[in-house]
């Protein structure tokens, strides 16, 4: 996927200058996209995103949950529109990925998350949490990377303190009752690494890796 690697490289350079711990905005995505051939950029960069309905219901066949700590009671809007969603109300098994369009490492790991989500479809829910970002940039980023799961919006980064997030990407693994099964700091480096984490922390095994991404 040369176009994805090109976008990731452009975002990574900007992130090195600005740092993923601080909130950059629109110029990052715009600059990254302008460095690519026009055909590789989504024709509707500010198009609709996936709605967040149903995130408070556990997936069928999720199994018994273990006692543990839950996410804080913070209500966030959905990038795809609709009612606000409480973090404490999220149900799994789920992968909650904290990301931002201005974060280079987030772009690096995006193809691996997409690949893993495809192989785990119906058994594990993927949810994004976009921090300190502009909605148009976030939607453009999601569309470009082919992200097919809903994302919550935290434009002011209010979750970073309660969740102990130094900067994106950070990924939480949630059980069927919403308790935290584990946390992964930093970017995943392969789809297999994502699948292994899901199997280890949530007990769900992924399908065979997709061709081209491992």
N, C-alpha and C. Protein backbone atom coordinates (compact mmCIF):
# COMPACT_ATOMS: atom_id res chain seq x y z
N UNK A 1 0.85 -1.20 0.00
CA UNK A 1 0.00 0.00 0.00
C UNK A 1 0.88 1.25 0.00
N UNK A 2 1.49 1.60 -1.16
CA UNK A 2 2.43 2.73 -1.19
C UNK A 2 1.80 4.04 -0.80
N UNK A 3 0.47 4.24 -1.17
CA UNK A 3 -0.14 5.52 -0.83
C UNK A 3 -0.28 5.68 0.67
N UNK A 4 -0.67 4.59 1.36
CA UNK A 4 -0.83 4.65 2.81
C UNK A 4 0.51 4.92 3.47
N UNK A 5 1.58 4.24 2.95
CA UNK A 5 2.90 4.47 3.53
C UNK A 5 3.34 5.91 3.31
N UNK A 6 2.99 6.49 2.14
CA UNK A 6 3.37 7.87 1.87
C UNK A 6 2.69 8.83 2.82
N UNK A 7 1.36 8.60 3.07
CA UNK A 7 0.65 9.45 4.01
C UNK A 7 1.21 9.29 5.40
N UNK A 8 1.49 8.06 5.80
CA UNK A 8 2.02 7.82 7.14
C UNK A 8 3.36 8.51 7.32
N UNK A 9 4.21 8.48 6.26
CA UNK A 9 5.51 9.13 6.35
C UNK A 9 5.36 10.62 6.51
N UNK A 10 4.40 11.21 5.75
CA UNK A 10 4.19 12.65 5.85
C UNK A 10 3.70 13.04 7.22
N UNK A 11 2.77 12.25 7.78
CA UNK A 11 2.27 12.53 9.12
C UNK A 11 3.35 12.34 10.16
N UNK A 12 4.22 11.34 9.95
CA UNK A 12 5.28 11.07 10.93
C UNK A 12 6.25 12.22 11.00
N UNK A 13 6.62 12.81 9.84
CA UNK A 13 7.54 13.95 9.84
C UNK A 13 6.96 15.11 10.62
N UNK A 14 5.66 15.39 10.39
CA UNK A 14 5.03 16.48 11.11
C UNK A 14 4.96 16.20 12.60
N UNK A 15 4.68 14.93 12.96
CA UNK A 15 4.59 14.57 14.37
C UNK A 15 5.93 14.74 15.06
N UNK A 16 7.04 14.47 14.35
CA UNK A 16 8.35 14.65 14.95
C UNK A 16 8.61 16.12 15.26
N UNK A 17 8.06 17.00 14.42
CA UNK A 17 8.25 18.43 14.65
C UNK A 17 7.35 18.94 15.76
N UNK A 18 6.08 18.44 15.79
CA UNK A 18 5.12 18.96 16.75
C UNK A 18 5.01 18.11 17.99
N UNK A 19 5.32 16.81 17.87
CA UNK A 19 5.20 15.90 19.01
C UNK A 19 3.78 15.38 19.13
N UNK A 20 3.65 14.06 19.34
CA UNK A 20 2.32 13.47 19.43
C UNK A 20 1.67 13.74 20.76
N UNK A 21 2.35 14.39 21.67
CA UNK A 21 1.74 14.70 22.95
C UNK A 21 0.99 16.01 22.92
N UNK A 22 1.07 16.76 21.83
CA UNK A 22 0.40 18.05 21.73
C UNK A 22 -0.60 18.00 20.60
N UNK A 23 -1.57 18.89 20.62
CA UNK A 23 -2.66 18.84 19.64
C UNK A 23 -2.43 19.71 18.44
N UNK A 24 -1.92 19.15 17.34
CA UNK A 24 -1.87 19.84 16.08
C UNK A 24 -3.20 19.66 15.39
N UNK A 25 -3.42 20.38 14.26
CA UNK A 25 -4.75 20.30 13.67
C UNK A 25 -4.70 20.20 12.15
N UNK A 26 -5.61 20.94 11.48
CA UNK A 26 -5.87 20.81 10.06
C UNK A 26 -4.69 20.78 9.13
N UNK A 27 -3.67 21.67 9.25
CA UNK A 27 -2.58 21.72 8.29
C UNK A 27 -1.86 20.39 8.13
N UNK A 28 -1.85 19.55 9.14
CA UNK A 28 -1.14 18.27 9.06
C UNK A 28 -1.76 17.38 8.00
N UNK A 29 -3.07 17.18 8.09
CA UNK A 29 -3.75 16.33 7.11
C UNK A 29 -3.69 16.97 5.73
N UNK A 30 -3.89 18.27 5.66
CA UNK A 30 -3.87 18.96 4.38
C UNK A 30 -2.51 18.82 3.71
N UNK A 31 -1.43 18.99 4.47
CA UNK A 31 -0.09 18.89 3.91
C UNK A 31 0.20 17.48 3.46
N UNK A 32 -0.22 16.50 4.26
CA UNK A 32 0.03 15.10 3.91
C UNK A 32 -0.70 14.73 2.64
N UNK A 33 -1.96 15.17 2.52
CA UNK A 33 -2.74 14.83 1.34
C UNK A 33 -2.20 15.54 0.10
N UNK A 34 -1.71 16.78 0.25
CA UNK A 34 -1.21 17.52 -0.91
C UNK A 34 0.05 16.89 -1.46
N UNK A 35 0.75 16.07 -0.67
CA UNK A 35 1.96 15.42 -1.12
C UNK A 35 1.66 14.16 -1.93
N UNK A 36 0.40 13.76 -2.03
CA UNK A 36 0.01 12.55 -2.72
C UNK A 36 -0.68 12.89 -4.04
N UNK A 37 -0.67 11.96 -5.00
CA UNK A 37 -1.45 12.17 -6.22
C UNK A 37 -2.92 12.34 -5.86
N UNK A 38 -3.62 13.20 -6.60
CA UNK A 38 -5.01 13.52 -6.28
C UNK A 38 -5.89 12.28 -6.23
N UNK A 39 -5.58 11.27 -7.05
CA UNK A 39 -6.43 10.08 -7.13
C UNK A 39 -6.41 9.26 -5.85
N UNK A 40 -5.38 9.46 -5.00
CA UNK A 40 -5.28 8.65 -3.79
C UNK A 40 -6.04 9.25 -2.63
N UNK A 41 -6.54 10.47 -2.76
CA UNK A 41 -7.26 11.14 -1.69
C UNK A 41 -8.75 10.96 -1.88
N UNK A 42 -9.46 10.61 -0.82
CA UNK A 42 -10.90 10.40 -0.88
C UNK A 42 -11.58 11.62 -1.50
N UNK A 43 -12.48 11.39 -2.44
CA UNK A 43 -13.16 12.49 -3.12
C UNK A 43 -14.12 13.23 -2.19
N UNK A 44 -14.50 12.59 -1.09
CA UNK A 44 -15.39 13.23 -0.12
C UNK A 44 -14.70 13.18 1.24
N UNK A 45 -13.64 13.99 1.43
CA UNK A 45 -12.83 13.88 2.65
C UNK A 45 -13.59 14.21 3.92
N UNK A 46 -14.69 14.96 3.79
CA UNK A 46 -15.45 15.31 4.99
C UNK A 46 -16.79 14.56 4.99
N UNK A 47 -16.78 13.37 4.40
CA UNK A 47 -17.99 12.58 4.30
C UNK A 47 -18.43 12.01 5.63
N UNK A 48 -19.56 11.30 5.64
CA UNK A 48 -20.11 10.77 6.88
C UNK A 48 -19.22 9.69 7.49
N UNK A 49 -19.22 9.60 8.81
CA UNK A 49 -18.49 8.56 9.52
C UNK A 49 -19.49 7.58 10.12
N UNK A 50 -18.97 6.49 10.68
CA UNK A 50 -19.82 5.43 11.21
C UNK A 50 -20.51 5.90 12.49
N UNK A 51 -21.82 5.68 12.63
CA UNK A 51 -22.53 6.07 13.85
C UNK A 51 -22.11 5.20 15.03
N UNK A 52 -22.39 5.67 16.24
CA UNK A 52 -21.95 4.99 17.46
C UNK A 52 -23.06 4.21 18.15
N UNK A 53 -24.19 4.02 17.50
CA UNK A 53 -25.31 3.31 18.13
C UNK A 53 -24.92 1.88 18.48
N UNK A 54 -25.37 1.42 19.64
CA UNK A 54 -25.16 0.04 20.03
C UNK A 54 -23.89 -0.25 20.78
N UNK A 55 -23.06 0.77 21.03
CA UNK A 55 -21.80 0.54 21.72
C UNK A 55 -22.00 0.17 23.19
N UNK A 56 -23.21 0.33 23.71
CA UNK A 56 -23.49 0.00 25.11
C UNK A 56 -24.04 -1.43 25.26
N UNK A 57 -24.04 -2.21 24.16
CA UNK A 57 -24.52 -3.58 24.22
C UNK A 57 -23.36 -4.54 23.98
N UNK A 58 -23.23 -5.54 24.84
CA UNK A 58 -22.18 -6.53 24.67
C UNK A 58 -22.44 -7.37 23.43
N UNK A 59 -21.38 -7.81 22.77
CA UNK A 59 -21.53 -8.66 21.60
C UNK A 59 -22.04 -10.03 22.01
N UNK A 60 -22.79 -10.66 21.14
CA UNK A 60 -23.32 -12.01 21.42
C UNK A 60 -22.17 -12.99 21.57
N UNK A 61 -22.32 -13.89 22.53
CA UNK A 61 -21.28 -14.90 22.74
C UNK A 61 -20.02 -14.36 23.36
N UNK A 62 -20.12 -13.22 24.05
CA UNK A 62 -18.93 -12.60 24.62
C UNK A 62 -18.37 -13.38 25.79
N UNK A 63 -19.20 -14.18 26.47
CA UNK A 63 -18.71 -14.95 27.61
C UNK A 63 -18.75 -14.14 28.89
N UNK A 64 -18.41 -14.80 29.97
CA UNK A 64 -18.46 -14.16 31.29
C UNK A 64 -17.35 -13.14 31.43
N UNK A 65 -17.65 -12.03 32.06
CA UNK A 65 -16.65 -10.99 32.29
C UNK A 65 -15.97 -11.20 33.64
N UNK A 66 -14.78 -10.67 33.75
CA UNK A 66 -14.05 -10.73 35.01
C UNK A 66 -14.15 -9.38 35.69
N UNK A 67 -14.08 -9.41 37.01
CA UNK A 67 -14.14 -8.14 37.75
C UNK A 67 -12.92 -7.29 37.41
N UNK A 68 -13.11 -6.01 37.28
CA UNK A 68 -12.00 -5.13 36.95
C UNK A 68 -12.43 -3.68 36.91
N UNK A 69 -11.47 -2.82 36.62
CA UNK A 69 -11.72 -1.38 36.56
C UNK A 69 -12.41 -1.00 35.26
N UNK A 70 -13.35 -0.07 35.35
CA UNK A 70 -14.05 0.42 34.17
C UNK A 70 -13.51 1.78 33.74
N UNK A 71 -13.87 2.17 32.53
CA UNK A 71 -13.53 3.49 32.03
C UNK A 71 -14.31 4.55 32.81
N UNK A 72 -13.82 5.78 32.83
CA UNK A 72 -14.52 6.83 33.58
C UNK A 72 -15.85 7.22 32.95
N UNK A 73 -16.72 7.81 33.77
CA UNK A 73 -18.03 8.26 33.28
C UNK A 73 -17.85 9.62 32.62
N UNK A 74 -17.41 9.59 31.38
CA UNK A 74 -17.23 10.80 30.58
C UNK A 74 -18.02 10.63 29.30
N UNK A 75 -18.94 11.55 29.02
CA UNK A 75 -19.76 11.47 27.81
C UNK A 75 -19.09 12.23 26.67
N UNK A 76 -19.02 11.57 25.53
CA UNK A 76 -18.37 12.15 24.36
C UNK A 76 -19.30 12.07 23.15
N UNK A 77 -19.18 13.04 22.25
CA UNK A 77 -19.98 13.01 21.04
C UNK A 77 -19.39 11.99 20.07
N UNK A 78 -20.17 11.63 19.07
CA UNK A 78 -19.76 10.64 18.07
C UNK A 78 -19.35 11.36 16.79
N UNK A 79 -18.23 10.94 16.20
CA UNK A 79 -17.76 11.55 14.96
C UNK A 79 -18.78 11.37 13.85
N UNK A 80 -19.58 10.28 13.94
CA UNK A 80 -20.60 10.02 12.93
C UNK A 80 -21.95 10.61 13.25
N UNK A 81 -22.04 11.41 14.33
CA UNK A 81 -23.30 12.04 14.70
C UNK A 81 -24.12 11.17 15.63
N UNK A 82 -25.22 11.73 16.13
CA UNK A 82 -26.10 11.00 17.04
C UNK A 82 -25.84 11.37 18.48
N UNK A 83 -26.50 10.67 19.42
CA UNK A 83 -26.38 10.99 20.84
C UNK A 83 -24.97 10.78 21.37
N UNK A 84 -24.67 11.47 22.48
CA UNK A 84 -23.39 11.30 23.14
C UNK A 84 -23.30 9.90 23.73
N UNK A 85 -22.07 9.42 23.91
CA UNK A 85 -21.82 8.09 24.43
C UNK A 85 -20.94 8.20 25.66
N UNK A 86 -21.30 7.47 26.71
CA UNK A 86 -20.48 7.45 27.92
C UNK A 86 -19.41 6.38 27.80
N UNK A 87 -18.16 6.74 28.12
CA UNK A 87 -17.09 5.75 28.09
C UNK A 87 -17.40 4.59 29.02
N UNK A 88 -17.96 4.89 30.19
CA UNK A 88 -18.28 3.84 31.16
C UNK A 88 -19.35 2.89 30.64
N UNK A 89 -20.09 3.31 29.62
CA UNK A 89 -21.15 2.47 29.06
C UNK A 89 -20.71 1.58 27.92
N UNK A 90 -19.45 1.70 27.47
CA UNK A 90 -18.97 0.87 26.37
C UNK A 90 -18.94 -0.60 26.78
N UNK A 91 -19.34 -1.48 25.89
CA UNK A 91 -19.34 -2.90 26.15
C UNK A 91 -18.54 -3.64 25.07
N UNK A 92 -17.94 -4.75 25.46
CA UNK A 92 -17.08 -5.47 24.55
C UNK A 92 -17.59 -6.86 24.24
N UNK A 93 -16.68 -7.75 23.90
CA UNK A 93 -15.25 -7.49 23.86
C UNK A 93 -14.93 -6.42 22.80
N UNK A 94 -14.06 -5.48 23.17
CA UNK A 94 -13.81 -4.34 22.30
C UNK A 94 -12.36 -3.88 22.38
N UNK A 95 -11.94 -3.30 21.27
CA UNK A 95 -10.63 -2.65 21.15
C UNK A 95 -10.91 -1.16 21.02
N UNK A 96 -10.51 -0.38 22.02
CA UNK A 96 -10.72 1.07 22.01
C UNK A 96 -9.39 1.74 21.70
N UNK A 97 -9.28 2.28 20.50
CA UNK A 97 -8.02 2.88 20.02
C UNK A 97 -8.09 4.40 20.09
N UNK A 98 -7.19 4.99 20.87
CA UNK A 98 -7.12 6.45 21.00
C UNK A 98 -6.15 6.97 19.94
N UNK A 99 -6.63 7.90 19.11
CA UNK A 99 -5.86 8.32 17.95
C UNK A 99 -6.10 9.79 17.64
N UNK A 100 -5.39 10.31 16.66
CA UNK A 100 -5.60 11.68 16.16
C UNK A 100 -5.04 11.77 14.75
N UNK A 101 -5.63 12.60 13.94
CA UNK A 101 -5.18 12.72 12.55
C UNK A 101 -3.79 13.34 12.45
N UNK A 102 -3.38 14.10 13.50
CA UNK A 102 -2.07 14.76 13.48
C UNK A 102 -0.97 13.87 14.03
N UNK A 103 -1.30 12.66 14.44
CA UNK A 103 -0.34 11.75 15.07
C UNK A 103 0.24 10.79 14.04
N UNK A 104 1.53 10.93 13.74
CA UNK A 104 2.18 10.07 12.76
C UNK A 104 2.10 8.59 13.06
N UNK A 105 2.45 8.16 14.29
CA UNK A 105 2.36 6.73 14.62
C UNK A 105 0.95 6.16 14.48
N UNK A 106 -0.07 7.01 14.66
CA UNK A 106 -1.45 6.54 14.48
C UNK A 106 -1.67 6.12 13.03
N UNK A 107 -1.12 6.89 12.10
CA UNK A 107 -1.22 6.54 10.69
C UNK A 107 -0.43 5.29 10.36
N UNK A 108 0.71 5.11 11.05
CA UNK A 108 1.54 3.92 10.82
C UNK A 108 0.78 2.65 11.19
N UNK A 109 0.03 2.68 12.31
CA UNK A 109 -0.63 1.47 12.77
C UNK A 109 -2.01 1.25 12.16
N UNK A 110 -2.56 2.28 11.52
CA UNK A 110 -3.94 2.19 11.00
C UNK A 110 -4.17 0.98 10.09
N UNK A 111 -3.28 0.68 9.12
CA UNK A 111 -3.54 -0.49 8.25
C UNK A 111 -3.58 -1.80 9.03
N UNK A 112 -2.82 -1.89 10.11
CA UNK A 112 -2.78 -3.12 10.90
C UNK A 112 -4.08 -3.28 11.70
N UNK A 113 -4.59 -2.18 12.22
CA UNK A 113 -5.86 -2.23 12.94
C UNK A 113 -7.00 -2.60 11.99
N UNK A 114 -6.98 -2.01 10.79
CA UNK A 114 -8.02 -2.31 9.80
C UNK A 114 -7.99 -3.79 9.43
N UNK A 115 -6.79 -4.32 9.20
CA UNK A 115 -6.65 -5.73 8.84
C UNK A 115 -7.14 -6.64 9.96
N UNK A 116 -6.74 -6.32 11.20
CA UNK A 116 -7.15 -7.13 12.34
C UNK A 116 -8.66 -7.07 12.54
N UNK A 117 -9.24 -5.89 12.37
CA UNK A 117 -10.68 -5.74 12.54
C UNK A 117 -11.45 -6.60 11.55
N UNK A 118 -10.94 -6.68 10.32
CA UNK A 118 -11.60 -7.50 9.32
C UNK A 118 -11.59 -8.97 9.73
N UNK A 119 -10.46 -9.44 10.26
CA UNK A 119 -10.36 -10.86 10.62
C UNK A 119 -11.09 -11.19 11.91
N UNK A 120 -11.46 -10.17 12.69
CA UNK A 120 -12.16 -10.38 13.96
C UNK A 120 -13.61 -9.93 13.91
N UNK A 121 -14.08 -9.59 12.73
CA UNK A 121 -15.42 -9.02 12.57
C UNK A 121 -16.49 -9.91 13.20
N UNK A 122 -17.37 -9.28 13.99
CA UNK A 122 -18.47 -9.99 14.62
C UNK A 122 -18.13 -10.59 15.97
N UNK A 123 -16.83 -10.68 16.27
CA UNK A 123 -16.41 -11.26 17.54
C UNK A 123 -15.81 -10.23 18.48
N UNK A 124 -15.19 -9.20 17.91
CA UNK A 124 -14.59 -8.12 18.70
C UNK A 124 -14.99 -6.80 18.06
N UNK A 125 -15.43 -5.88 18.88
CA UNK A 125 -15.84 -4.55 18.41
C UNK A 125 -14.63 -3.61 18.44
N UNK A 126 -14.43 -2.84 17.38
CA UNK A 126 -13.39 -1.82 17.35
C UNK A 126 -14.06 -0.45 17.47
N UNK A 127 -13.50 0.40 18.32
CA UNK A 127 -14.03 1.75 18.55
C UNK A 127 -12.84 2.70 18.59
N UNK A 128 -12.98 3.84 17.94
CA UNK A 128 -11.93 4.85 17.99
C UNK A 128 -12.28 5.96 18.97
N UNK A 129 -11.26 6.64 19.46
CA UNK A 129 -11.46 7.82 20.31
C UNK A 129 -10.48 8.88 19.82
N UNK A 130 -11.02 9.84 19.09
CA UNK A 130 -10.23 10.89 18.44
C UNK A 130 -10.00 12.05 19.40
N UNK A 131 -8.74 12.36 19.72
CA UNK A 131 -8.45 13.40 20.71
C UNK A 131 -7.82 14.65 20.08
N UNK A 132 -8.22 15.80 20.63
CA UNK A 132 -7.61 17.09 20.28
C UNK A 132 -7.51 17.29 18.78
N UNK A 133 -8.60 17.09 18.08
CA UNK A 133 -8.60 17.07 16.63
C UNK A 133 -9.74 17.91 16.08
N UNK A 134 -9.66 18.21 14.79
CA UNK A 134 -10.75 18.86 14.08
C UNK A 134 -11.60 17.79 13.42
N UNK A 135 -12.93 17.87 13.49
CA UNK A 135 -13.77 16.81 12.93
C UNK A 135 -13.54 16.57 11.44
N UNK A 136 -13.34 17.62 10.66
CA UNK A 136 -13.12 17.43 9.23
C UNK A 136 -11.83 16.67 8.97
N UNK A 137 -10.77 16.99 9.73
CA UNK A 137 -9.50 16.28 9.58
C UNK A 137 -9.65 14.83 9.99
N UNK A 138 -10.40 14.60 11.08
CA UNK A 138 -10.59 13.23 11.57
C UNK A 138 -11.37 12.39 10.57
N UNK A 139 -12.42 12.96 9.99
CA UNK A 139 -13.21 12.21 9.01
C UNK A 139 -12.38 11.93 7.75
N UNK A 140 -11.58 12.91 7.32
CA UNK A 140 -10.72 12.70 6.15
C UNK A 140 -9.72 11.58 6.42
N UNK A 141 -9.15 11.58 7.61
CA UNK A 141 -8.16 10.56 8.00
C UNK A 141 -8.80 9.18 8.02
N UNK A 142 -9.98 9.07 8.62
CA UNK A 142 -10.70 7.80 8.68
C UNK A 142 -11.03 7.28 7.29
N UNK A 143 -11.53 8.17 6.44
CA UNK A 143 -11.89 7.78 5.08
C UNK A 143 -10.66 7.31 4.30
N UNK A 144 -9.57 8.04 4.47
CA UNK A 144 -8.34 7.69 3.73
C UNK A 144 -7.85 6.30 4.11
N UNK A 145 -7.85 6.00 5.40
CA UNK A 145 -7.32 4.72 5.88
C UNK A 145 -8.33 3.58 5.82
N UNK A 146 -9.56 3.88 5.41
CA UNK A 146 -10.56 2.83 5.29
C UNK A 146 -11.06 2.30 6.62
N UNK A 147 -11.09 3.18 7.62
CA UNK A 147 -11.55 2.78 8.95
C UNK A 147 -13.07 2.59 8.91
N UNK A 148 -13.53 1.40 9.29
CA UNK A 148 -14.95 1.10 9.19
C UNK A 148 -15.65 0.98 10.53
N UNK A 149 -15.06 1.51 11.59
CA UNK A 149 -15.69 1.44 12.91
C UNK A 149 -15.97 2.86 13.42
N UNK A 150 -16.86 2.98 14.39
CA UNK A 150 -17.22 4.32 14.91
C UNK A 150 -16.10 4.92 15.76
N UNK A 151 -16.10 6.23 15.83
CA UNK A 151 -15.14 6.95 16.68
C UNK A 151 -15.87 7.98 17.54
N UNK A 152 -15.46 8.05 18.79
CA UNK A 152 -15.92 9.11 19.67
C UNK A 152 -15.01 10.31 19.50
N UNK A 153 -15.52 11.49 19.88
CA UNK A 153 -14.75 12.72 19.72
C UNK A 153 -14.44 13.34 21.08
N UNK A 154 -13.17 13.68 21.28
CA UNK A 154 -12.74 14.38 22.49
C UNK A 154 -11.89 15.58 22.04
N UNK A 155 -12.55 16.65 21.55
CA UNK A 155 -11.81 17.77 20.95
C UNK A 155 -10.86 18.47 21.90
N UNK A 156 -11.11 18.39 23.20
CA UNK A 156 -10.26 19.09 24.16
C UNK A 156 -9.33 18.16 24.94
N UNK A 157 -9.31 16.89 24.60
CA UNK A 157 -8.41 15.95 25.25
C UNK A 157 -8.70 15.71 26.72
N UNK A 158 -9.98 15.77 27.11
CA UNK A 158 -10.32 15.64 28.53
C UNK A 158 -10.07 14.23 29.06
N UNK A 159 -10.02 13.23 28.19
CA UNK A 159 -9.83 11.85 28.67
C UNK A 159 -8.38 11.54 29.00
N UNK A 160 -7.46 12.37 28.55
CA UNK A 160 -6.05 12.02 28.67
C UNK A 160 -5.59 11.91 30.12
N UNK A 161 -6.12 12.78 30.98
CA UNK A 161 -5.76 12.70 32.39
C UNK A 161 -6.35 11.47 33.07
N UNK A 162 -7.68 11.31 33.04
CA UNK A 162 -8.30 10.15 33.69
C UNK A 162 -7.81 8.80 33.16
N UNK A 163 -7.48 8.74 31.86
CA UNK A 163 -7.04 7.47 31.27
C UNK A 163 -5.51 7.32 31.27
N UNK A 164 -4.81 8.34 31.79
CA UNK A 164 -3.34 8.30 31.84
C UNK A 164 -2.74 8.11 30.45
N UNK A 165 -3.20 8.93 29.51
CA UNK A 165 -2.74 8.86 28.13
C UNK A 165 -1.74 9.98 27.88
N UNK A 166 -0.44 9.65 27.75
CA UNK A 166 0.56 10.69 27.49
C UNK A 166 0.39 11.30 26.10
N UNK A 167 -0.08 10.51 25.18
CA UNK A 167 -0.32 10.94 23.81
C UNK A 167 -0.71 9.74 22.99
N UNK A 168 -1.44 9.94 21.89
CA UNK A 168 -1.84 8.81 21.06
C UNK A 168 -0.64 8.27 20.25
N UNK A 169 -0.73 7.00 19.83
CA UNK A 169 -1.84 6.07 20.03
C UNK A 169 -1.71 5.27 21.34
N UNK A 170 -2.86 5.02 21.94
CA UNK A 170 -2.98 4.12 23.09
C UNK A 170 -4.22 3.28 22.85
N UNK A 171 -4.15 1.99 23.16
CA UNK A 171 -5.27 1.08 22.89
C UNK A 171 -5.69 0.35 24.15
N UNK A 172 -6.99 0.44 24.47
CA UNK A 172 -7.57 -0.27 25.61
C UNK A 172 -8.34 -1.48 25.11
N UNK A 173 -8.30 -2.56 25.90
CA UNK A 173 -9.05 -3.78 25.59
C UNK A 173 -10.13 -3.94 26.64
N UNK A 174 -11.39 -3.99 26.21
CA UNK A 174 -12.53 -4.00 27.12
C UNK A 174 -13.27 -5.33 27.06
N UNK A 175 -13.64 -5.83 28.24
CA UNK A 175 -14.42 -7.06 28.33
C UNK A 175 -15.90 -6.76 28.05
N UNK A 176 -16.72 -7.80 28.10
CA UNK A 176 -18.13 -7.66 27.75
C UNK A 176 -18.89 -6.73 28.69
N UNK A 177 -18.42 -6.57 29.94
CA UNK A 177 -19.10 -5.66 30.87
C UNK A 177 -18.44 -4.28 30.90
N UNK A 178 -17.49 -4.04 30.02
CA UNK A 178 -16.83 -2.75 29.94
C UNK A 178 -15.60 -2.61 30.81
N UNK A 179 -15.25 -3.63 31.59
CA UNK A 179 -14.04 -3.54 32.41
C UNK A 179 -12.81 -3.65 31.53
N UNK A 180 -11.71 -3.04 32.00
CA UNK A 180 -10.48 -2.97 31.23
C UNK A 180 -9.67 -4.26 31.41
N UNK A 181 -9.41 -4.94 30.30
CA UNK A 181 -8.63 -6.18 30.35
C UNK A 181 -7.14 -5.92 30.14
N UNK A 182 -6.80 -4.78 29.57
CA UNK A 182 -5.39 -4.46 29.33
C UNK A 182 -5.25 -3.20 28.52
N UNK A 183 -4.02 -2.68 28.46
CA UNK A 183 -3.73 -1.44 27.74
C UNK A 183 -2.44 -1.63 26.94
N UNK A 184 -2.42 -1.13 25.72
CA UNK A 184 -1.22 -1.15 24.89
C UNK A 184 -0.83 0.29 24.58
N UNK A 185 0.38 0.68 25.00
CA UNK A 185 0.87 2.03 24.75
C UNK A 185 1.74 2.05 23.49
N UNK A 186 1.53 3.05 22.64
CA UNK A 186 2.29 3.15 21.41
C UNK A 186 1.60 2.44 20.26
N UNK A 187 2.23 2.53 19.08
CA UNK A 187 1.64 1.99 17.86
C UNK A 187 1.90 0.49 17.73
N UNK A 188 0.91 -0.22 17.22
CA UNK A 188 1.10 -1.61 16.84
C UNK A 188 1.95 -1.64 15.57
N UNK A 189 2.77 -2.66 15.43
CA UNK A 189 3.68 -2.73 14.29
C UNK A 189 3.29 -3.82 13.29
N UNK A 190 2.23 -4.54 13.55
CA UNK A 190 1.72 -5.54 12.60
C UNK A 190 0.30 -5.91 12.98
N UNK A 191 -0.44 -6.45 12.02
CA UNK A 191 -1.79 -6.92 12.30
C UNK A 191 -1.74 -8.14 13.21
N UNK A 192 -0.71 -8.96 13.05
CA UNK A 192 -0.56 -10.12 13.93
C UNK A 192 -0.39 -9.68 15.39
N UNK A 193 0.32 -8.58 15.61
CA UNK A 193 0.50 -8.09 16.98
C UNK A 193 -0.85 -7.68 17.58
N UNK A 194 -1.71 -7.07 16.76
CA UNK A 194 -3.05 -6.69 17.23
C UNK A 194 -3.84 -7.95 17.58
N UNK A 195 -3.81 -8.93 16.68
CA UNK A 195 -4.56 -10.17 16.92
C UNK A 195 -4.06 -10.90 18.16
N UNK A 196 -2.74 -10.92 18.35
CA UNK A 196 -2.19 -11.58 19.54
C UNK A 196 -2.64 -10.89 20.82
N UNK A 197 -2.67 -9.56 20.78
CA UNK A 197 -3.11 -8.80 21.95
C UNK A 197 -4.58 -9.09 22.25
N UNK A 198 -5.41 -9.16 21.21
CA UNK A 198 -6.82 -9.46 21.40
C UNK A 198 -7.00 -10.87 21.99
N UNK A 199 -6.23 -11.82 21.49
CA UNK A 199 -6.33 -13.19 21.99
C UNK A 199 -5.86 -13.27 23.44
N UNK A 200 -4.74 -12.60 23.75
CA UNK A 200 -4.18 -12.66 25.10
C UNK A 200 -5.07 -11.96 26.12
N UNK A 201 -5.57 -10.79 25.77
CA UNK A 201 -6.30 -9.98 26.74
C UNK A 201 -7.80 -10.26 26.77
N UNK A 202 -8.35 -10.65 25.62
CA UNK A 202 -9.80 -10.85 25.55
C UNK A 202 -10.19 -12.30 25.28
N UNK A 203 -9.22 -13.16 24.99
CA UNK A 203 -9.52 -14.57 24.76
C UNK A 203 -10.19 -14.85 23.44
N UNK A 204 -10.06 -13.93 22.47
CA UNK A 204 -10.68 -14.11 21.17
C UNK A 204 -9.60 -14.28 20.13
N UNK A 205 -9.69 -15.35 19.36
CA UNK A 205 -8.66 -15.65 18.36
C UNK A 205 -9.10 -15.11 17.00
N UNK A 206 -8.14 -14.48 16.31
CA UNK A 206 -8.43 -13.91 15.00
C UNK A 206 -8.29 -14.91 13.89
N UNK A 207 -8.83 -14.58 12.72
CA UNK A 207 -8.69 -15.43 11.55
C UNK A 207 -7.28 -15.31 10.99
N UNK A 208 -7.01 -16.05 9.93
CA UNK A 208 -5.69 -16.00 9.32
C UNK A 208 -5.40 -14.59 8.83
N UNK A 209 -4.11 -14.16 8.89
CA UNK A 209 -3.78 -12.81 8.46
C UNK A 209 -4.13 -12.56 7.00
N UNK A 210 -4.53 -11.33 6.72
CA UNK A 210 -4.84 -10.96 5.34
C UNK A 210 -3.55 -10.88 4.54
N UNK A 211 -3.63 -11.13 3.25
CA UNK A 211 -2.45 -11.14 2.40
C UNK A 211 -1.87 -9.73 2.32
N UNK A 212 -0.56 -9.63 2.52
CA UNK A 212 0.11 -8.34 2.36
C UNK A 212 0.36 -7.61 3.65
N UNK A 213 -0.39 -7.91 4.71
CA UNK A 213 -0.18 -7.24 5.99
C UNK A 213 -0.11 -8.31 7.06
N UNK A 214 0.98 -8.31 7.86
CA UNK A 214 1.10 -9.35 8.88
C UNK A 214 1.46 -8.83 10.23
